Amino acid sequence: MDELLGLTIRLLQLVPYCAVLLILMAVMWYAARLIRAHLSKTELRPVDYLESFRKLHDDGKLTTEEFRIIRQLVSLQLTRSPDKPKSDYYSLLNKNSPSQSTDRPSGNIPKN
């Protein structure tokens, strides 16, 4: 009988902790919903990315060739089916890679 009473007392001591845990879980769930709703509103669309790249092109920070490749990659990504391999992106980049010009750095870092 004493064992049953001791077990009951221990279980009753756990009730407030379980209630606090459930309240914390509900608050975290609500916060996650708010964050997801906010992120879905601020998520950039491909058109927004293209506008950013167009501005870089207009400012002279991207060559016409680079901007064309970016535009093709974005359109490929929009029309690509989920089962199509991503290697198509890389083949497009390799096929249309801009030629090395003297007015732009090559991006290669020399090894010391």
N, C-alpha and C. Protein backbone atom coordinates (compact mmCIF):
# COMPACT_ATOMS: atom_id res chain seq x y z
N MET A 1 0.82 -1.19 0.00
CA MET A 1 0.00 0.00 0.00
C MET A 1 0.86 1.26 0.00
N ASP A 2 1.95 1.20 0.81
CA ASP A 2 2.85 2.36 0.86
C ASP A 2 3.54 2.57 -0.49
N GLU A 3 3.83 1.48 -1.18
CA GLU A 3 4.46 1.61 -2.49
C GLU A 3 3.51 2.29 -3.48
N LEU A 4 2.24 1.94 -3.40
CA LEU A 4 1.26 2.54 -4.29
C LEU A 4 1.09 4.02 -4.00
N LEU A 5 1.10 4.36 -2.72
CA LEU A 5 0.98 5.76 -2.32
C LEU A 5 2.22 6.55 -2.78
N GLY A 6 3.40 5.97 -2.66
CA GLY A 6 4.63 6.63 -3.09
C GLY A 6 4.64 6.83 -4.60
N LEU A 7 4.17 5.84 -5.33
CA LEU A 7 4.10 5.94 -6.79
C LEU A 7 3.10 7.02 -7.21
N THR A 8 1.97 7.09 -6.53
CA THR A 8 0.96 8.10 -6.83
C THR A 8 1.50 9.49 -6.58
N ILE A 9 2.23 9.67 -5.51
CA ILE A 9 2.81 10.98 -5.19
C ILE A 9 3.82 11.37 -6.26
N ARG A 10 4.65 10.45 -6.68
CA ARG A 10 5.63 10.75 -7.74
C ARG A 10 4.93 11.13 -9.05
N LEU A 11 3.87 10.40 -9.39
CA LEU A 11 3.13 10.73 -10.61
C LEU A 11 2.47 12.10 -10.51
N LEU A 12 1.96 12.43 -9.36
CA LEU A 12 1.35 13.75 -9.18
C LEU A 12 2.40 14.86 -9.25
N GLN A 13 3.62 14.57 -8.88
CA GLN A 13 4.69 15.56 -8.99
C GLN A 13 5.08 15.78 -10.46
N LEU A 14 4.85 14.80 -11.31
CA LEU A 14 5.18 14.92 -12.74
C LEU A 14 4.14 15.73 -13.51
N VAL A 15 2.93 15.83 -13.01
CA VAL A 15 1.85 16.50 -13.74
C VAL A 15 2.21 17.95 -14.08
N PRO A 16 2.72 18.78 -13.14
CA PRO A 16 3.07 20.16 -13.53
C PRO A 16 4.15 20.22 -14.61
N TYR A 17 5.11 19.32 -14.55
CA TYR A 17 6.17 19.30 -15.56
C TYR A 17 5.61 18.95 -16.94
N CYS A 18 4.70 17.99 -16.97
CA CYS A 18 4.07 17.61 -18.24
C CYS A 18 3.24 18.77 -18.78
N ALA A 19 2.53 19.49 -17.90
CA ALA A 19 1.73 20.62 -18.34
C ALA A 19 2.63 21.71 -18.92
N VAL A 20 3.74 21.99 -18.27
CA VAL A 20 4.68 23.00 -18.77
C VAL A 20 5.24 22.55 -20.12
N LEU A 21 5.56 21.29 -20.24
CA LEU A 21 6.08 20.76 -21.50
C LEU A 21 5.04 20.90 -22.63
N LEU A 22 3.80 20.58 -22.35
CA LEU A 22 2.75 20.72 -23.36
C LEU A 22 2.55 22.19 -23.76
N ILE A 23 2.60 23.10 -22.79
CA ILE A 23 2.46 24.52 -23.10
C ILE A 23 3.62 25.00 -23.96
N LEU A 24 4.84 24.58 -23.63
CA LEU A 24 6.00 24.96 -24.44
C LEU A 24 5.89 24.42 -25.86
N MET A 25 5.42 23.20 -26.00
CA MET A 25 5.25 22.63 -27.33
C MET A 25 4.21 23.41 -28.13
N ALA A 26 3.12 23.83 -27.48
CA ALA A 26 2.09 24.60 -28.18
C ALA A 26 2.63 25.96 -28.61
N VAL A 27 3.42 26.60 -27.76
CA VAL A 27 4.01 27.90 -28.09
C VAL A 27 4.99 27.74 -29.24
N MET A 28 5.80 26.71 -29.22
CA MET A 28 6.75 26.48 -30.30
C MET A 28 6.03 26.19 -31.63
N TRP A 29 4.95 25.43 -31.58
CA TRP A 29 4.17 25.15 -32.78
C TRP A 29 3.60 26.44 -33.37
N TYR A 30 3.06 27.30 -32.50
CA TYR A 30 2.50 28.57 -32.94
C TYR A 30 3.58 29.46 -33.55
N ALA A 31 4.76 29.52 -32.91
CA ALA A 31 5.86 30.32 -33.42
C ALA A 31 6.32 29.80 -34.78
N ALA A 32 6.39 28.50 -34.93
CA ALA A 32 6.79 27.91 -36.21
C ALA A 32 5.79 28.26 -37.31
N ARG A 33 4.50 28.26 -36.99
CA ARG A 33 3.49 28.66 -37.97
C ARG A 33 3.67 30.11 -38.40
N LEU A 34 3.94 30.99 -37.43
CA LEU A 34 4.15 32.40 -37.75
C LEU A 34 5.38 32.60 -38.62
N ILE A 35 6.45 31.91 -38.29
CA ILE A 35 7.69 32.04 -39.06
C ILE A 35 7.50 31.51 -40.48
N ARG A 36 6.84 30.38 -40.63
CA ARG A 36 6.60 29.84 -41.96
C ARG A 36 5.73 30.77 -42.80
N ALA A 37 4.72 31.36 -42.17
CA ALA A 37 3.85 32.29 -42.90
C ALA A 37 4.65 33.51 -43.35
N HIS A 38 5.52 33.99 -42.49
CA HIS A 38 6.35 35.16 -42.84
C HIS A 38 7.32 34.82 -43.96
N LEU A 39 7.95 33.65 -43.89
CA LEU A 39 8.91 33.25 -44.91
C LEU A 39 8.24 33.04 -46.26
N SER A 40 7.04 32.51 -46.27
CA SER A 40 6.37 32.29 -47.55
C SER A 40 6.01 33.61 -48.21
N LYS A 41 5.79 34.66 -47.42
CA LYS A 41 5.48 35.97 -47.99
C LYS A 41 6.72 36.64 -48.55
N THR A 42 7.87 36.41 -47.93
CA THR A 42 9.09 37.10 -48.33
C THR A 42 9.95 36.28 -49.29
N GLU A 43 9.50 35.10 -49.67
CA GLU A 43 10.29 34.26 -50.56
C GLU A 43 10.37 34.88 -51.95
N LEU A 44 11.57 34.94 -52.49
CA LEU A 44 11.77 35.54 -53.80
C LEU A 44 11.32 34.59 -54.91
N ARG A 45 10.71 35.16 -55.90
CA ARG A 45 10.31 34.41 -57.08
C ARG A 45 11.44 34.47 -58.10
N PRO A 46 11.47 33.57 -59.08
CA PRO A 46 12.52 33.62 -60.10
C PRO A 46 12.56 34.96 -60.84
N VAL A 47 11.40 35.59 -61.00
CA VAL A 47 11.37 36.88 -61.67
C VAL A 47 12.15 37.91 -60.85
N ASP A 48 12.05 37.82 -59.52
CA ASP A 48 12.79 38.75 -58.67
C ASP A 48 14.29 38.54 -58.84
N TYR A 49 14.71 37.29 -58.94
CA TYR A 49 16.13 37.01 -59.16
C TYR A 49 16.59 37.59 -60.50
N LEU A 50 15.76 37.39 -61.52
CA LEU A 50 16.14 37.92 -62.84
C LEU A 50 16.24 39.44 -62.82
N GLU A 51 15.35 40.10 -62.09
CA GLU A 51 15.42 41.56 -61.99
C GLU A 51 16.72 41.99 -61.32
N SER A 52 17.16 41.25 -60.31
CA SER A 52 18.42 41.57 -59.64
C SER A 52 19.60 41.40 -60.60
N PHE A 53 19.58 40.31 -61.36
CA PHE A 53 20.66 40.09 -62.32
C PHE A 53 20.62 41.10 -63.47
N ARG A 54 19.42 41.50 -63.86
CA ARG A 54 19.30 42.51 -64.91
C ARG A 54 19.89 43.83 -64.44
N LYS A 55 19.67 44.16 -63.17
CA LYS A 55 20.25 45.39 -62.63
C LYS A 55 21.78 45.29 -62.60
N LEU A 56 22.31 44.14 -62.23
CA LEU A 56 23.76 43.95 -62.25
C LEU A 56 24.28 44.08 -63.68
N HIS A 57 23.54 43.56 -64.65
CA HIS A 57 23.95 43.66 -66.05
C HIS A 57 23.92 45.12 -66.50
N ASP A 58 22.86 45.83 -66.11
CA ASP A 58 22.74 47.24 -66.49
C ASP A 58 23.84 48.08 -65.85
N ASP A 59 24.27 47.70 -64.65
CA ASP A 59 25.35 48.42 -63.97
C ASP A 59 26.73 48.05 -64.50
N GLY A 60 26.79 47.06 -65.38
CA GLY A 60 28.06 46.65 -65.96
C GLY A 60 28.83 45.63 -65.13
N LYS A 61 28.18 45.06 -64.13
CA LYS A 61 28.85 44.07 -63.28
C LYS A 61 28.74 42.66 -63.84
N LEU A 62 27.85 42.47 -64.81
CA LEU A 62 27.71 41.20 -65.52
C LEU A 62 27.82 41.47 -67.01
N THR A 63 28.52 40.60 -67.71
CA THR A 63 28.59 40.75 -69.17
C THR A 63 27.28 40.26 -69.77
N THR A 64 27.07 40.58 -71.02
CA THR A 64 25.86 40.13 -71.72
C THR A 64 25.82 38.61 -71.78
N GLU A 65 26.97 38.01 -71.99
CA GLU A 65 27.06 36.53 -72.06
C GLU A 65 26.67 35.92 -70.71
N GLU A 66 27.19 36.47 -69.62
CA GLU A 66 26.86 35.95 -68.29
C GLU A 66 25.38 36.10 -68.00
N PHE A 67 24.82 37.25 -68.32
CA PHE A 67 23.40 37.48 -68.08
C PHE A 67 22.54 36.51 -68.91
N ARG A 68 22.94 36.25 -70.14
CA ARG A 68 22.21 35.33 -71.00
C ARG A 68 22.22 33.92 -70.40
N ILE A 69 23.38 33.51 -69.89
CA ILE A 69 23.48 32.17 -69.28
C ILE A 69 22.60 32.09 -68.04
N ILE A 70 22.62 33.13 -67.22
CA ILE A 70 21.79 33.13 -66.01
C ILE A 70 20.32 33.06 -66.39
N ARG A 71 19.92 33.82 -67.38
CA ARG A 71 18.53 33.82 -67.83
C ARG A 71 18.14 32.43 -68.33
N GLN A 72 19.03 31.78 -69.07
CA GLN A 72 18.74 30.42 -69.56
C GLN A 72 18.64 29.43 -68.40
N LEU A 73 19.52 29.57 -67.41
CA LEU A 73 19.47 28.66 -66.26
C LEU A 73 18.17 28.82 -65.48
N VAL A 74 17.74 30.05 -65.29
CA VAL A 74 16.49 30.27 -64.56
C VAL A 74 15.31 29.71 -65.36
N SER A 75 15.28 29.94 -66.65
CA SER A 75 14.17 29.40 -67.45
C SER A 75 14.22 27.87 -67.48
N LEU A 76 15.42 27.31 -67.51
CA LEU A 76 15.55 25.84 -67.46
C LEU A 76 15.02 25.30 -66.15
N GLN A 77 15.33 26.01 -65.07
CA GLN A 77 14.89 25.57 -63.75
C GLN A 77 13.37 25.65 -63.64
N LEU A 78 12.77 26.66 -64.24
CA LEU A 78 11.32 26.80 -64.18
C LEU A 78 10.61 25.73 -64.99
N THR A 79 11.20 25.32 -66.10
CA THR A 79 10.54 24.35 -66.98
C THR A 79 11.00 22.92 -66.73
N ARG A 80 11.99 22.73 -65.88
CA ARG A 80 12.55 21.40 -65.64
C ARG A 80 11.58 20.55 -64.84
N SER A 81 11.39 19.33 -65.28
CA SER A 81 10.58 18.39 -64.53
C SER A 81 11.43 17.81 -63.41
N PRO A 82 10.81 17.37 -62.31
CA PRO A 82 11.57 16.87 -61.17
C PRO A 82 12.48 15.68 -61.49
N ASP A 83 12.12 14.88 -62.51
CA ASP A 83 12.93 13.70 -62.82
C ASP A 83 14.08 14.02 -63.77
N LYS A 84 14.15 15.26 -64.27
CA LYS A 84 15.23 15.62 -65.18
C LYS A 84 16.50 15.88 -64.36
N PRO A 85 17.62 15.30 -64.75
CA PRO A 85 18.84 15.46 -63.96
C PRO A 85 19.38 16.89 -64.00
N LYS A 86 20.04 17.27 -62.91
CA LYS A 86 20.62 18.61 -62.83
C LYS A 86 21.85 18.75 -63.71
N SER A 87 22.33 17.67 -64.26
CA SER A 87 23.51 17.74 -65.11
C SER A 87 23.25 18.60 -66.34
N ASP A 88 21.98 18.79 -66.69
CA ASP A 88 21.64 19.67 -67.81
C ASP A 88 22.10 21.09 -67.54
N TYR A 89 22.01 21.51 -66.29
CA TYR A 89 22.47 22.85 -65.92
C TYR A 89 23.97 22.98 -66.20
N TYR A 90 24.69 21.97 -65.76
CA TYR A 90 26.14 22.03 -65.90
C TYR A 90 26.58 21.97 -67.36
N SER A 91 25.86 21.19 -68.15
CA SER A 91 26.21 21.13 -69.57
C SER A 91 25.93 22.47 -70.23
N LEU A 92 24.88 23.15 -69.80
CA LEU A 92 24.60 24.48 -70.35
C LEU A 92 25.70 25.46 -69.97
N LEU A 93 26.16 25.37 -68.75
CA LEU A 93 27.24 26.25 -68.31
C LEU A 93 28.52 25.98 -69.08
N ASN A 94 28.86 24.71 -69.27
CA ASN A 94 30.09 24.38 -69.96
C ASN A 94 30.01 24.73 -71.44
N LYS A 95 28.84 24.53 -72.04
CA LYS A 95 28.67 24.81 -73.46
C LYS A 95 28.72 26.31 -73.74
N ASN A 96 28.17 27.10 -72.82
CA ASN A 96 28.06 28.54 -73.04
C ASN A 96 28.99 29.35 -72.16
N SER A 97 30.06 28.74 -71.68
CA SER A 97 30.93 29.48 -70.78
C SER A 97 31.55 30.65 -71.53
N PRO A 98 31.56 31.83 -70.88
CA PRO A 98 32.09 33.00 -71.55
C PRO A 98 33.58 32.85 -71.84
N SER A 99 33.98 33.40 -72.95
CA SER A 99 35.40 33.31 -73.31
C SER A 99 36.21 34.20 -72.39
N GLN A 100 37.45 33.82 -72.19
CA GLN A 100 38.34 34.59 -71.34
C GLN A 100 38.64 35.91 -72.03
N SER A 101 38.29 37.00 -71.39
CA SER A 101 38.58 38.31 -71.97
C SER A 101 39.59 39.02 -71.09
N THR A 102 40.23 40.02 -71.65
CA THR A 102 41.27 40.72 -70.90
C THR A 102 40.70 41.76 -69.98
N ASP A 103 39.43 42.19 -70.19
CA ASP A 103 38.88 43.23 -69.36
C ASP A 103 38.24 42.70 -68.09
N ARG A 104 38.09 41.40 -67.96
CA ARG A 104 37.51 40.81 -66.75
C ARG A 104 38.47 39.78 -66.17
N PRO A 105 38.59 39.74 -64.84
CA PRO A 105 39.46 38.72 -64.25
C PRO A 105 38.89 37.33 -64.46
N SER A 106 39.77 36.36 -64.52
CA SER A 106 39.34 34.99 -64.82
C SER A 106 38.74 34.31 -63.61
N GLY A 107 39.01 34.80 -62.41
CA GLY A 107 38.48 34.18 -61.22
C GLY A 107 39.37 33.07 -60.70
N ASN A 108 40.43 32.73 -61.41
CA ASN A 108 41.34 31.71 -60.94
C ASN A 108 42.30 32.30 -59.92
N ILE A 109 42.43 31.62 -58.81
CA ILE A 109 43.35 32.08 -57.76
C ILE A 109 44.62 31.27 -57.88
N PRO A 110 45.75 31.94 -58.04
CA PRO A 110 47.01 31.18 -58.16
C PRO A 110 47.35 30.47 -56.86
N LYS A 111 47.89 29.28 -56.99
CA LYS A 111 48.31 28.53 -55.82
C LYS A 111 49.72 28.93 -55.44
N ASN A 112 49.93 29.13 -54.16
CA ASN A 112 51.27 29.51 -53.67
C ASN A 112 52.03 28.31 -53.17
